[in-house]
């Protein structure tokens, strides 16, 4: 499968080796509209197939409450690995998981390699 990229104002979404990669731009404060935009891009790249998603939080500055709610929508995903660098990133994910209970397994990692290994076990 050929790698594909769909870039937007605040995020880039790539499909590489069967895994969807989401990278937020430096300093992004993610809004509900941003999440809806990313959801549309993921749907395009998945082309009707459910795939694993790697989310890179390294450059993200913040996530609005309506954006968290939008993330809880229906996605064509099998599992989600969120990669961050700080305990705050992990707390954001823990809070999200406690409130929304996504329909696919979702975990936090500090290592992209570990996240990819977990995604590929599905």
PDB file of N, CA and C in Angstrom:
ATOM      1  N   UNK A   1       0.832  -1.176   0.000  1.00  0.00           N
ATOM      2  CA  UNK A   1       0.000   0.000   0.000  1.00  0.00           C
ATOM      3  C   UNK A   1       0.878   1.240   0.000  1.00  0.00           C
ATOM      4  N   UNK A   2       0.566   2.147  -0.880  1.00  0.00           N
ATOM      5  CA  UNK A   2       1.311   3.395  -0.992  1.00  0.00           C
ATOM      6  C   UNK A   2       0.959   4.332   0.170  1.00  0.00           C
ATOM      7  N   UNK A   3       1.970   5.034   0.697  1.00  0.00           N
ATOM      8  CA  UNK A   3       1.739   6.000   1.763  1.00  0.00           C
ATOM      9  C   UNK A   3       0.907   7.152   1.222  1.00  0.00           C
ATOM     10  N   UNK A   4      -0.021   7.646   2.054  1.00  0.00           N
ATOM     11  CA  UNK A   4      -0.879   8.754   1.678  1.00  0.00           C
ATOM     12  C   UNK A   4      -0.886   9.772   2.810  1.00  0.00           C
ATOM     13  N   UNK A   5      -0.961  11.047   2.462  1.00  0.00           N
ATOM     14  CA  UNK A   5      -1.012  12.111   3.459  1.00  0.00           C
ATOM     15  C   UNK A   5      -2.127  13.084   3.116  1.00  0.00           C
ATOM     16  N   UNK A   6      -2.863  13.491   4.150  1.00  0.00           N
ATOM     17  CA  UNK A   6      -3.866  14.541   4.010  1.00  0.00           C
ATOM     18  C   UNK A   6      -3.519  15.576   5.070  1.00  0.00           C
ATOM     19  N   UNK A   7      -3.090  16.766   4.632  1.00  0.00           N
ATOM     20  CA  UNK A   7      -2.686  17.802   5.577  1.00  0.00           C
ATOM     21  C   UNK A   7      -3.760  18.864   5.690  1.00  0.00           C
ATOM     22  N   UNK A   8      -3.844  19.420   6.888  1.00  0.00           N
ATOM     23  CA  UNK A   8      -4.778  20.494   7.151  1.00  0.00           C
ATOM     24  C   UNK A   8      -4.064  21.619   7.865  1.00  0.00           C
ATOM     25  N   UNK A   9      -4.861  22.554   8.353  1.00  0.00           N
ATOM     26  CA  UNK A   9      -4.296  23.719   9.018  1.00  0.00           C
ATOM     27  C   UNK A   9      -3.615  23.368  10.340  1.00  0.00           C
ATOM     28  N   UNK A  10      -4.204  22.458  11.112  1.00  0.00           N
ATOM     29  CA  UNK A  10      -3.669  22.143  12.432  1.00  0.00           C
ATOM     30  C   UNK A  10      -3.147  20.731  12.585  1.00  0.00           C
ATOM     31  N   UNK A  11      -3.349  19.882  11.574  1.00  0.00           N
ATOM     32  CA  UNK A  11      -2.935  18.485  11.708  1.00  0.00           C
ATOM     33  C   UNK A  11      -2.602  17.886  10.361  1.00  0.00           C
ATOM     34  N   UNK A  12      -1.738  16.874  10.409  1.00  0.00           N
ATOM     35  CA  UNK A  12      -1.462  16.054   9.232  1.00  0.00           C
ATOM     36  C   UNK A  12      -1.874  14.631   9.574  1.00  0.00           C
ATOM     37  N   UNK A  13      -2.526  13.981   8.634  1.00  0.00           N
ATOM     38  CA  UNK A  13      -2.962  12.608   8.814  1.00  0.00           C
ATOM     39  C   UNK A  13      -2.345  11.796   7.688  1.00  0.00           C
ATOM     40  N   UNK A  14      -1.589  10.759   8.068  1.00  0.00           N
ATOM     41  CA  UNK A  14      -0.912   9.903   7.093  1.00  0.00           C
ATOM     42  C   UNK A  14      -1.392   8.469   7.243  1.00  0.00           C
ATOM     43  N   UNK A  15      -1.357   7.731   6.146  1.00  0.00           N
ATOM     44  CA  UNK A  15      -1.578   6.299   6.171  1.00  0.00           C
ATOM     45  C   UNK A  15      -0.276   5.662   5.709  1.00  0.00           C
ATOM     46  N   UNK A  16       0.410   4.990   6.649  1.00  0.00           N
ATOM     47  CA  UNK A  16       1.693   4.347   6.351  1.00  0.00           C
ATOM     48  C   UNK A  16       1.682   2.923   6.871  1.00  0.00           C
ATOM     49  N   UNK A  17       1.914   1.972   5.974  1.00  0.00           N
ATOM     50  CA  UNK A  17       1.983   0.581   6.389  1.00  0.00           C
ATOM     51  C   UNK A  17       0.722   0.092   7.071  1.00  0.00           C
ATOM     52  N   UNK A  18      -0.426   0.613   6.677  1.00  0.00           N
ATOM     53  CA  UNK A  18      -1.688   0.182   7.248  1.00  0.00           C
ATOM     54  C   UNK A  18      -2.067   0.870   8.550  1.00  0.00           C
ATOM     55  N   UNK A  19      -1.220   1.782   9.046  1.00  0.00           N
ATOM     56  CA  UNK A  19      -1.491   2.508  10.292  1.00  0.00           C
ATOM     57  C   UNK A  19      -1.725   3.978   9.971  1.00  0.00           C
ATOM     58  N   UNK A  20      -2.797   4.538  10.521  1.00  0.00           N
ATOM     59  CA  UNK A  20      -3.079   5.965  10.361  1.00  0.00           C
ATOM     60  C   UNK A  20      -2.278   6.716  11.421  1.00  0.00           C
ATOM     61  N   UNK A  21      -1.563   7.765  11.002  1.00  0.00           N
ATOM     62  CA  UNK A  21      -0.753   8.594  11.901  1.00  0.00           C
ATOM     63  C   UNK A  21      -1.359   9.993  11.931  1.00  0.00           C
ATOM     64  N   UNK A  22      -1.615  10.497  13.145  1.00  0.00           N
ATOM     65  CA  UNK A  22      -2.138  11.847  13.329  1.00  0.00           C
ATOM     66  C   UNK A  22      -1.101  12.672  14.079  1.00  0.00           C
ATOM     67  N   UNK A  23      -0.670  13.783  13.456  1.00  0.00           N
ATOM     68  CA  UNK A  23       0.289  14.703  14.081  1.00  0.00           C
ATOM     69  C   UNK A  23      -0.321  16.088  14.125  1.00  0.00           C
ATOM     70  N   UNK A  24      -0.399  16.643  15.324  1.00  0.00           N
ATOM     71  CA  UNK A  24      -0.888  18.005  15.471  1.00  0.00           C
ATOM     72  C   UNK A  24       0.245  18.978  15.208  1.00  0.00           C
ATOM     73  N   UNK A  25      -0.073  20.145  14.687  1.00  0.00           N
ATOM     74  CA  UNK A  25       0.947  21.163  14.433  1.00  0.00           C
ATOM     75  C   UNK A  25       1.443  21.744  15.754  1.00  0.00           C
ATOM     76  N   UNK A  26       2.623  22.340  15.703  1.00  0.00           N
ATOM     77  CA  UNK A  26       3.238  22.925  16.892  1.00  0.00           C
ATOM     78  C   UNK A  26       2.332  24.001  17.492  1.00  0.00           C
ATOM     79  N   UNK A  27       2.031  23.859  18.791  1.00  0.00           N
ATOM     80  CA  UNK A  27       1.233  24.848  19.498  1.00  0.00           C
ATOM     81  C   UNK A  27      -0.262  24.761  19.278  1.00  0.00           C
ATOM     82  N   UNK A  28      -0.734  23.693  18.637  1.00  0.00           N
ATOM     83  CA  UNK A  28      -2.170  23.575  18.342  1.00  0.00           C
ATOM     84  C   UNK A  28      -2.992  23.485  19.622  1.00  0.00           C
ATOM     85  N   UNK A  29      -4.009  24.311  19.696  1.00  0.00           N
ATOM     86  CA  UNK A  29      -5.050  24.182  20.711  1.00  0.00           C
ATOM     87  C   UNK A  29      -6.241  23.603  19.953  1.00  0.00           C
ATOM     88  N   UNK A  30      -6.494  22.340  20.149  1.00  0.00           N
ATOM     89  CA  UNK A  30      -7.422  21.587  19.320  1.00  0.00           C
ATOM     90  C   UNK A  30      -8.866  21.904  19.701  1.00  0.00           C
ATOM     91  N   UNK A  31      -9.654  22.245  18.680  1.00  0.00           N
ATOM     92  CA  UNK A  31     -11.061  22.574  18.855  1.00  0.00           C
ATOM     93  C   UNK A  31     -11.938  21.448  18.308  1.00  0.00           C
ATOM     94  N   UNK A  32     -13.228  21.555  18.548  1.00  0.00           N
ATOM     95  CA  UNK A  32     -14.175  20.585  18.009  1.00  0.00           C
ATOM     96  C   UNK A  32     -14.097  20.558  16.481  1.00  0.00           C
ATOM     97  N   UNK A  33     -13.990  21.722  15.851  1.00  0.00           N
ATOM     98  CA  UNK A  33     -13.895  21.795  14.387  1.00  0.00           C
ATOM     99  C   UNK A  33     -12.639  21.077  13.888  1.00  0.00           C
ATOM    100  N   UNK A  34     -11.533  21.210  14.625  1.00  0.00           N
ATOM    101  CA  UNK A  34     -10.295  20.515  14.241  1.00  0.00           C
ATOM    102  C   UNK A  34     -10.496  19.008  14.272  1.00  0.00           C
ATOM    103  N   UNK A  35     -11.167  18.526  15.319  1.00  0.00           N
ATOM    104  CA  UNK A  35     -11.407  17.081  15.442  1.00  0.00           C
ATOM    105  C   UNK A  35     -12.298  16.602  14.307  1.00  0.00           C
ATOM    106  N   UNK A  36     -13.340  17.336  13.998  1.00  0.00           N
ATOM    107  CA  UNK A  36     -14.234  16.945  12.896  1.00  0.00           C
ATOM    108  C   UNK A  36     -13.470  16.907  11.563  1.00  0.00           C
ATOM    109  N   UNK A  37     -12.574  17.872  11.365  1.00  0.00           N
ATOM    110  CA  UNK A  37     -11.740  17.909  10.170  1.00  0.00           C
ATOM    111  C   UNK A  37     -10.842  16.662  10.106  1.00  0.00           C
ATOM    112  N   UNK A  38     -10.225  16.320  11.231  1.00  0.00           N
ATOM    113  CA  UNK A  38      -9.366  15.133  11.280  1.00  0.00           C
ATOM    114  C   UNK A  38     -10.176  13.869  11.051  1.00  0.00           C
ATOM    115  N   UNK A  39     -11.363  13.795  11.639  1.00  0.00           N
ATOM    116  CA  UNK A  39     -12.221  12.619  11.442  1.00  0.00           C
ATOM    117  C   UNK A  39     -12.529  12.411   9.960  1.00  0.00           C
ATOM    118  N   UNK A  40     -12.804  13.492   9.251  1.00  0.00           N
ATOM    119  CA  UNK A  40     -13.092  13.393   7.816  1.00  0.00           C
ATOM    120  C   UNK A  40     -11.864  12.891   7.064  1.00  0.00           C
ATOM    121  N   UNK A  41     -10.688  13.393   7.421  1.00  0.00           N
ATOM    122  CA  UNK A  41      -9.454  12.960   6.764  1.00  0.00           C
ATOM    123  C   UNK A  41      -9.165  11.482   7.040  1.00  0.00           C
ATOM    124  N   UNK A  42      -9.370  11.056   8.282  1.00  0.00           N
ATOM    125  CA  UNK A  42      -9.156   9.646   8.640  1.00  0.00           C
ATOM    126  C   UNK A  42     -10.106   8.767   7.833  1.00  0.00           C
ATOM    127  N   UNK A  43     -11.351   9.170   7.718  1.00  0.00           N
ATOM    128  CA  UNK A  43     -12.322   8.392   6.947  1.00  0.00           C
ATOM    129  C   UNK A  43     -11.904   8.255   5.492  1.00  0.00           C
ATOM    130  N   UNK A  44     -11.375   9.332   4.922  1.00  0.00           N
ATOM    131  CA  UNK A  44     -10.900   9.282   3.535  1.00  0.00           C
ATOM    132  C   UNK A  44      -9.754   8.282   3.407  1.00  0.00           C
ATOM    133  N   UNK A  45      -8.784   8.368   4.304  1.00  0.00           N
ATOM    134  CA  UNK A  45      -7.630   7.490   4.216  1.00  0.00           C
ATOM    135  C   UNK A  45      -7.975   6.027   4.499  1.00  0.00           C
ATOM    136  N   UNK A  46      -8.935   5.793   5.379  1.00  0.00           N
ATOM    137  CA  UNK A  46      -9.301   4.416   5.718  1.00  0.00           C
ATOM    138  C   UNK A  46     -10.115   3.735   4.617  1.00  0.00           C
ATOM    139  N   UNK A  47     -10.767   4.511   3.784  1.00  0.00           N
ATOM    140  CA  UNK A  47     -11.531   3.986   2.635  1.00  0.00           C
ATOM    141  C   UNK A  47     -12.430   2.816   3.015  1.00  0.00           C
ATOM    142  N   UNK A  48     -13.159   2.961   4.115  1.00  0.00           N
ATOM    143  CA  UNK A  48     -14.104   1.925   4.513  1.00  0.00           C
ATOM    144  C   UNK A  48     -13.521   0.793   5.339  1.00  0.00           C
ATOM    145  N   UNK A  49     -12.207   0.787   5.545  1.00  0.00           N
ATOM    146  CA  UNK A  49     -11.568  -0.258   6.369  1.00  0.00           C
ATOM    147  C   UNK A  49     -11.255   0.297   7.749  1.00  0.00           C
ATOM    148  N   UNK A  50     -11.407  -0.539   8.766  1.00  0.00           N
ATOM    149  CA  UNK A  50     -11.001  -0.142  10.115  1.00  0.00           C
ATOM    150  C   UNK A  50      -9.494  -0.345  10.238  1.00  0.00           C
ATOM    151  N   UNK A  51      -8.816   0.653  10.791  1.00  0.00           N
ATOM    152  CA  UNK A  51      -7.353   0.627  10.902  1.00  0.00           C
ATOM    153  C   UNK A  51      -6.926   1.121  12.283  1.00  0.00           C
ATOM    154  N   UNK A  52      -5.688   0.786  12.679  1.00  0.00           N
ATOM    155  CA  UNK A  52      -5.144   1.351  13.923  1.00  0.00           C
ATOM    156  C   UNK A  52      -4.712   2.802  13.707  1.00  0.00           C
ATOM    157  N   UNK A  53      -4.718   3.586  14.811  1.00  0.00           N
ATOM    158  CA  UNK A  53      -4.362   5.002  14.766  1.00  0.00           C
ATOM    159  C   UNK A  53      -3.274   5.308  15.782  1.00  0.00           C
ATOM    160  N   UNK A  54      -2.237   6.001  15.336  1.00  0.00           N
ATOM    161  CA  UNK A  54      -1.181   6.519  16.204  1.00  0.00           C
ATOM    162  C   UNK A  54      -1.366   8.027  16.287  1.00  0.00           C
ATOM    163  N   UNK A  55      -1.578   8.551  17.512  1.00  0.00           N
ATOM    164  CA  UNK A  55      -1.763   9.986  17.724  1.00  0.00           C
ATOM    165  C   UNK A  55      -0.514  10.537  18.394  1.00  0.00           C
ATOM    166  N   UNK A  56       0.114  11.514  17.762  1.00  0.00           N
ATOM    167  CA  UNK A  56       1.307  12.162  18.309  1.00  0.00           C
ATOM    168  C   UNK A  56       0.887  13.471  18.977  1.00  0.00           C
ATOM    169  N   UNK A  57       0.999  13.512  20.313  1.00  0.00           N
ATOM    170  CA  UNK A  57       0.604  14.700  21.080  1.00  0.00           C
ATOM    171  C   UNK A  57       1.780  15.636  21.357  1.00  0.00           C
ATOM    172  N   UNK A  58       2.970  15.318  20.855  1.00  0.00           N
ATOM    173  CA  UNK A  58       4.180  16.059  21.228  1.00  0.00           C
ATOM    174  C   UNK A  58       4.068  17.568  21.061  1.00  0.00           C
ATOM    175  N   UNK A  59       3.435  18.035  20.017  1.00  0.00           N
ATOM    176  CA  UNK A  59       3.405  19.479  19.735  1.00  0.00           C
ATOM    177  C   UNK A  59       2.100  20.138  20.119  1.00  0.00           C
ATOM    178  N   UNK A  60       1.122  19.342  20.528  1.00  0.00           N
ATOM    179  CA  UNK A  60      -0.181  19.878  20.869  1.00  0.00           C
ATOM    180  C   UNK A  60      -0.112  20.701  22.152  1.00  0.00           C
ATOM    181  N   UNK A  61      -0.727  21.864  22.128  1.00  0.00           N
ATOM    182  CA  UNK A  61      -0.717  22.759  23.295  1.00  0.00           C
ATOM    183  C   UNK A  61      -1.899  22.507  24.226  1.00  0.00           C
ATOM    184  N   UNK A  62      -3.058  22.197  23.658  1.00  0.00           N
ATOM    185  CA  UNK A  62      -4.241  21.995  24.487  1.00  0.00           C
ATOM    186  C   UNK A  62      -5.368  21.342  23.714  1.00  0.00           C
ATOM    187  N   UNK A  63      -6.396  20.926  24.457  1.00  0.00           N
ATOM    188  CA  UNK A  63      -7.530  20.212  23.888  1.00  0.00           C
ATOM    189  C   UNK A  63      -8.793  20.719  24.583  1.00  0.00           C
ATOM    190  N   UNK A  64      -9.669  21.373  23.833  1.00  0.00           N
ATOM    191  CA  UNK A  64     -10.900  21.907  24.395  1.00  0.00           C
ATOM    192  C   UNK A  64     -11.872  20.804  24.784  1.00  0.00           C
ATOM    193  N   UNK A  65     -12.798  21.120  25.686  1.00  0.00           N
ATOM    194  CA  UNK A  65     -13.753  20.108  26.168  1.00  0.00           C
ATOM    195  C   UNK A  65     -14.655  19.600  25.044  1.00  0.00           C
ATOM    196  N   UNK A  66     -15.079  20.482  24.147  1.00  0.00           N
ATOM    197  CA  UNK A  66     -15.902  20.034  23.017  1.00  0.00           C
ATOM    198  C   UNK A  66     -15.089  19.168  22.059  1.00  0.00           C
ATOM    199  N   UNK A  67     -13.782  19.417  21.966  1.00  0.00           N
ATOM    200  CA  UNK A  67     -12.913  18.579  21.145  1.00  0.00           C
ATOM    201  C   UNK A  67     -12.832  17.173  21.741  1.00  0.00           C
ATOM    202  N   UNK A  68     -12.720  17.080  23.071  1.00  0.00           N
ATOM    203  CA  UNK A  68     -12.698  15.760  23.726  1.00  0.00           C
ATOM    204  C   UNK A  68     -13.988  15.012  23.435  1.00  0.00           C
ATOM    205  N   UNK A  69     -15.110  15.717  23.498  1.00  0.00           N
ATOM    206  CA  UNK A  69     -16.392  15.082  23.205  1.00  0.00           C
ATOM    207  C   UNK A  69     -16.450  14.607  21.753  1.00  0.00           C
ATOM    208  N   UNK A  70     -15.924  15.419  20.832  1.00  0.00           N
ATOM    209  CA  UNK A  70     -15.931  15.045  19.413  1.00  0.00           C
ATOM    210  C   UNK A  70     -15.082  13.802  19.162  1.00  0.00           C
ATOM    211  N   UNK A  71     -13.971  13.670  19.884  1.00  0.00           N
ATOM    212  CA  UNK A  71     -13.130  12.479  19.733  1.00  0.00           C
ATOM    213  C   UNK A  71     -13.895  11.208  20.079  1.00  0.00           C
ATOM    214  N   UNK A  72     -14.935  11.331  20.900  1.00  0.00           N
ATOM    215  CA  UNK A  72     -15.708  10.168  21.315  1.00  0.00           C
ATOM    216  C   UNK A  72     -16.657   9.682  20.226  1.00  0.00           C
ATOM    217  N   UNK A  73     -16.698  10.363  19.085  1.00  0.00           N
ATOM    218  CA  UNK A  73     -17.565   9.947  17.982  1.00  0.00           C
ATOM    219  C   UNK A  73     -17.112   8.634  17.353  1.00  0.00           C
ATOM    220  N   UNK A  74     -17.835   8.211  16.352  1.00  0.00           N
ATOM    221  CA  UNK A  74     -17.535   6.943  15.662  1.00  0.00           C
ATOM    222  C   UNK A  74     -16.368   7.138  14.698  1.00  0.00           C
ATOM    223  N   UNK A  75     -15.347   6.338  14.858  1.00  0.00           N
ATOM    224  CA  UNK A  75     -14.152   6.358  14.011  1.00  0.00           C
ATOM    225  C   UNK A  75     -13.982   4.980  13.387  1.00  0.00           C
ATOM    226  N   UNK A  76     -13.407   4.877  12.200  1.00  0.00           N
ATOM    227  CA  UNK A  76     -13.157   3.570  11.580  1.00  0.00           C
ATOM    228  C   UNK A  76     -11.823   2.981  12.077  1.00  0.00           C
ATOM    229  N   UNK A  77     -11.724   2.734  13.400  1.00  0.00           N
ATOM    230  CA  UNK A  77     -10.449   2.352  13.995  1.00  0.00           C
ATOM    231  C   UNK A  77     -10.542   1.020  14.733  1.00  0.00           C
ATOM    232  N   UNK A  78      -9.411   0.309  14.791  1.00  0.00           N
ATOM    233  CA  UNK A  78      -9.331  -0.947  15.540  1.00  0.00           C
ATOM    234  C   UNK A  78      -8.719  -0.735  16.916  1.00  0.00           C
ATOM    235  N   UNK A  79      -7.750   0.176  17.033  1.00  0.00           N
ATOM    236  CA  UNK A  79      -7.132   0.556  18.302  1.00  0.00           C
ATOM    237  C   UNK A  79      -6.440   1.893  18.128  1.00  0.00           C
ATOM    238  N   UNK A  80      -6.206   2.556  19.270  1.00  0.00           N
ATOM    239  CA  UNK A  80      -5.599   3.887  19.242  1.00  0.00           C
ATOM    240  C   UNK A  80      -4.443   3.916  20.239  1.00  0.00           C
ATOM    241  N   UNK A  81      -3.275   4.311  19.758  1.00  0.00           N
ATOM    242  CA  UNK A  81      -2.110   4.529  20.616  1.00  0.00           C
ATOM    243  C   UNK A  81      -1.819   6.020  20.627  1.00  0.00           C
ATOM    244  N   UNK A  82      -1.779   6.609  21.817  1.00  0.00           N
ATOM    245  CA  UNK A  82      -1.500   8.029  21.975  1.00  0.00           C
ATOM    246  C   UNK A  82      -0.090   8.163  22.533  1.00  0.00           C
ATOM    247  N   UNK A  83       0.754   8.908  21.819  1.00  0.00           N
ATOM    248  CA  UNK A  83       2.143   9.095  22.248  1.00  0.00           C
ATOM    249  C   UNK A  83       2.317  10.521  22.744  1.00  0.00           C
ATOM    250  N   UNK A  84       2.788  10.634  23.984  1.00  0.00           N
ATOM    251  CA  UNK A  84       3.046  11.932  24.581  1.00  0.00           C
ATOM    252  C   UNK A  84       4.357  11.904  25.340  1.00  0.00           C
ATOM    253  N   UNK A  85       4.739  13.050  25.879  1.00  0.00           N
ATOM    254  CA  UNK A  85       6.043  13.133  26.539  1.00  0.00           C
ATOM    255  C   UNK A  85       5.961  13.409  28.031  1.00  0.00           C
ATOM    256  N   UNK A  86       4.772  13.737  28.522  1.00  0.00           N
ATOM    257  CA  UNK A  86       4.712  14.153  29.913  1.00  0.00           C
ATOM    258  C   UNK A  86       3.585  13.453  30.658  1.00  0.00           C
ATOM    259  N   UNK A  87       3.661  13.466  31.983  1.00  0.00           N
ATOM    260  CA  UNK A  87       2.557  12.929  32.779  1.00  0.00           C
ATOM    261  C   UNK A  87       1.242  13.672  32.508  1.00  0.00           C
ATOM    262  N   UNK A  88       1.322  14.947  32.143  1.00  0.00           N
ATOM    263  CA  UNK A  88       0.111  15.714  31.825  1.00  0.00           C
ATOM    264  C   UNK A  88      -0.584  15.111  30.602  1.00  0.00           C
ATOM    265  N   UNK A  89       0.189  14.722  29.593  1.00  0.00           N
ATOM    266  CA  UNK A  89      -0.397  14.075  28.415  1.00  0.00           C
ATOM    267  C   UNK A  89      -1.154  12.810  28.823  1.00  0.00           C
ATOM    268  N   UNK A  90      -0.547  12.034  29.709  1.00  0.00           N
ATOM    269  CA  UNK A  90      -1.192  10.809  30.180  1.00  0.00           C
ATOM    270  C   UNK A  90      -2.470  11.126  30.946  1.00  0.00           C
ATOM    271  N   UNK A  91      -2.456  12.135  31.787  1.00  0.00           N
ATOM    272  CA  UNK A  91      -3.641  12.524  32.556  1.00  0.00           C
ATOM    273  C   UNK A  91      -4.776  12.934  31.622  1.00  0.00           C
ATOM    274  N   UNK A  92      -4.450  13.667  30.564  1.00  0.00           N
ATOM    275  CA  UNK A  92      -5.473  14.064  29.586  1.00  0.00           C
ATOM    276  C   UNK A  92      -6.151  12.821  29.014  1.00  0.00           C
ATOM    277  N   UNK A  93      -5.354  11.812  28.662  1.00  0.00           N
ATOM    278  CA  UNK A  93      -5.923  10.591  28.095  1.00  0.00           C
ATOM    279  C   UNK A  93      -6.721   9.819  29.138  1.00  0.00           C
ATOM    280  N   UNK A  94      -6.210   9.694  30.340  1.00  0.00           N
ATOM    281  CA  UNK A  94      -6.923   8.975  31.408  1.00  0.00           C
ATOM    282  C   UNK A  94      -8.288   9.630  31.660  1.00  0.00           C
ATOM    283  N   UNK A  95      -8.308  10.954  31.734  1.00  0.00           N
ATOM    284  CA  UNK A  95      -9.566  11.679  31.929  1.00  0.00           C
ATOM    285  C   UNK A  95     -10.533  11.392  30.782  1.00  0.00           C
ATOM    286  N   UNK A  96     -10.024  11.452  29.556  1.00  0.00           N
ATOM    287  CA  UNK A  96     -10.846  11.178  28.382  1.00  0.00           C
ATOM    288  C   UNK A  96     -11.424   9.762  28.438  1.00  0.00           C
ATOM    289  N   UNK A  97     -10.579   8.773  28.752  1.00  0.00           N
ATOM    290  CA  UNK A  97     -11.026   7.381  28.782  1.00  0.00           C
ATOM    291  C   UNK A  97     -12.070   7.149  29.864  1.00  0.00           C
ATOM    292  N   UNK A  98     -11.904   7.793  31.016  1.00  0.00           N
ATOM    293  CA  UNK A  98     -12.862   7.626  32.106  1.00  0.00           C
ATOM    294  C   UNK A  98     -14.230   8.213  31.743  1.00  0.00           C
ATOM    295  N   UNK A  99     -14.219   9.273  30.997  1.00  0.00           N
ATOM    296  CA  UNK A  99     -15.473   9.955  30.670  1.00  0.00           C
ATOM    297  C   UNK A  99     -16.175   9.376  29.444  1.00  0.00           C
ATOM    298  N   UNK A 100     -15.413   8.927  28.452  1.00  0.00           N
ATOM    299  CA  UNK A 100     -16.022   8.587  27.166  1.00  0.00           C
ATOM    300  C   UNK A 100     -16.046   7.108  26.807  1.00  0.00           C
ATOM    301  N   UNK A 101     -15.198   6.298  27.330  1.00  0.00           N
ATOM    302  CA  UNK A 101     -15.170   4.859  27.034  1.00  0.00           C
ATOM    303  C   UNK A 101     -15.224   4.585  25.520  1.00  0.00           C
ATOM    304  N   UNK A 102     -14.129   4.824  24.812  1.00  0.00           N
ATOM    305  CA  UNK A 102     -14.122   4.613  23.351  1.00  0.00           C
ATOM    306  C   UNK A 102     -14.425   3.166  22.988  1.00  0.00           C
ATOM    307  N   UNK A 103     -14.892   2.969  21.749  1.00  0.00           N
ATOM    308  CA  UNK A 103     -15.300   1.624  21.327  1.00  0.00           C
ATOM    309  C   UNK A 103     -14.143   0.750  20.848  1.00  0.00           C
ATOM    310  N   UNK A 104     -12.915   1.251  20.928  1.00  0.00           N
ATOM    311  CA  UNK A 104     -11.758   0.418  20.598  1.00  0.00           C
ATOM    312  C   UNK A 104     -10.684   0.635  21.666  1.00  0.00           C
ATOM    313  N   UNK A 105      -9.808  -0.347  21.869  1.00  0.00           N
ATOM    314  CA  UNK A 105      -8.759  -0.204  22.880  1.00  0.00           C
ATOM    315  C   UNK A 105      -7.907   1.040  22.616  1.00  0.00           C
ATOM    316  N   UNK A 106      -7.629   1.784  23.677  1.00  0.00           N
ATOM    317  CA  UNK A 106      -6.862   3.030  23.585  1.00  0.00           C
ATOM    318  C   UNK A 106      -5.857   3.062  24.722  1.00  0.00           C
ATOM    319  N   UNK A 107      -4.568   3.318  24.390  1.00  0.00           N
ATOM    320  CA  UNK A 107      -3.516   3.335  25.407  1.00  0.00           C
ATOM    321  C   UNK A 107      -2.562   4.494  25.191  1.00  0.00           C
ATOM    322  N   UNK A 108      -1.893   4.885  26.276  1.00  0.00           N
ATOM    323  CA  UNK A 108      -0.895   5.952  26.263  1.00  0.00           C
ATOM    324  C   UNK A 108       0.500   5.347  26.250  1.00  0.00           C
ATOM    325  N   UNK A 109       1.405   5.968  25.479  1.00  0.00           N
ATOM    326  CA  UNK A 109       2.806   5.546  25.396  1.00  0.00           C
ATOM    327  C   UNK A 109       3.709   6.770  25.404  1.00  0.00           C
ATOM    328  N   UNK A 110       4.922   6.596  25.889  1.00  0.00           N
ATOM    329  CA  UNK A 110       5.930   7.653  25.785  1.00  0.00           C
ATOM    330  C   UNK A 110       6.914   7.339  24.668  1.00  0.00           C
ATOM    331  N   UNK A 111       6.784   6.170  24.071  1.00  0.00           N
ATOM    332  CA  UNK A 111       7.678   5.735  22.994  1.00  0.00           C
ATOM    333  C   UNK A 111       6.856   5.391  21.749  1.00  0.00           C
ATOM    334  N   UNK A 112       7.224   5.993  20.628  1.00  0.00           N
ATOM    335  CA  UNK A 112       6.545   5.675  19.370  1.00  0.00           C
ATOM    336  C   UNK A 112       6.762   4.221  18.980  1.00  0.00           C
ATOM    337  N   UNK A 113       7.955   3.703  19.214  1.00  0.00           N
ATOM    338  CA  UNK A 113       8.242   2.300  18.876  1.00  0.00           C
ATOM    339  C   UNK A 113       7.339   1.355  19.668  1.00  0.00           C
ATOM    340  N   UNK A 114       7.174   1.613  20.962  1.00  0.00           N
ATOM    341  CA  UNK A 114       6.288   0.773  21.778  1.00  0.00           C
ATOM    342  C   UNK A 114       4.843   0.892  21.314  1.00  0.00           C
ATOM    343  N   UNK A 115       4.424   2.099  20.978  1.00  0.00           N
ATOM    344  CA  UNK A 115       3.058   2.313  20.496  1.00  0.00           C
ATOM    345  C   UNK A 115       2.824   1.546  19.199  1.00  0.00           C
ATOM    346  N   UNK A 116       3.764   1.618  18.283  1.00  0.00           N
ATOM    347  CA  UNK A 116       3.623   0.910  17.002  1.00  0.00           C
ATOM    348  C   UNK A 116       3.579  -0.600  17.214  1.00  0.00           C
ATOM    349  N   UNK A 117       4.400  -1.107  18.104  1.00  0.00           N
ATOM    350  CA  UNK A 117       4.402  -2.546  18.389  1.00  0.00           C
ATOM    351  C   UNK A 117       3.033  -2.982  18.910  1.00  0.00           C
ATOM    352  N   UNK A 118       2.448  -2.181  19.806  1.00  0.00           N
ATOM    353  CA  UNK A 118       1.127  -2.508  20.345  1.00  0.00           C
ATOM    354  C   UNK A 118       0.052  -2.425  19.251  1.00  0.00           C
ATOM    355  N   UNK A 119       0.128  -1.403  18.406  1.00  0.00           N
ATOM    356  CA  UNK A 119      -0.868  -1.270  17.336  1.00  0.00           C
ATOM    357  C   UNK A 119      -0.831  -2.452  16.380  1.00  0.00           C
ATOM    358  N   UNK A 120       0.333  -2.956  16.111  1.00  0.00           N
ATOM    359  CA  UNK A 120       0.475  -4.028  15.133  1.00  0.00           C
ATOM    360  C   UNK A 120       0.138  -5.408  15.704  1.00  0.00           C
ATOM    361  N   UNK A 121      -0.147  -5.503  17.025  1.00  0.00           N
ATOM    362  CA  UNK A 121      -0.539  -6.776  17.597  1.00  0.00           C
ATOM    363  C   UNK A 121      -2.001  -7.096  17.347  1.00  0.00           C
ATOM    364  N   UNK A 122      -2.744  -6.123  16.854  1.00  0.00           N
ATOM    365  CA  UNK A 122      -4.195  -6.345  16.621  1.00  0.00           C
ATOM    366  C   UNK A 122      -4.410  -7.241  15.424  1.00  0.00           C
TER     367      UNK A 122
END
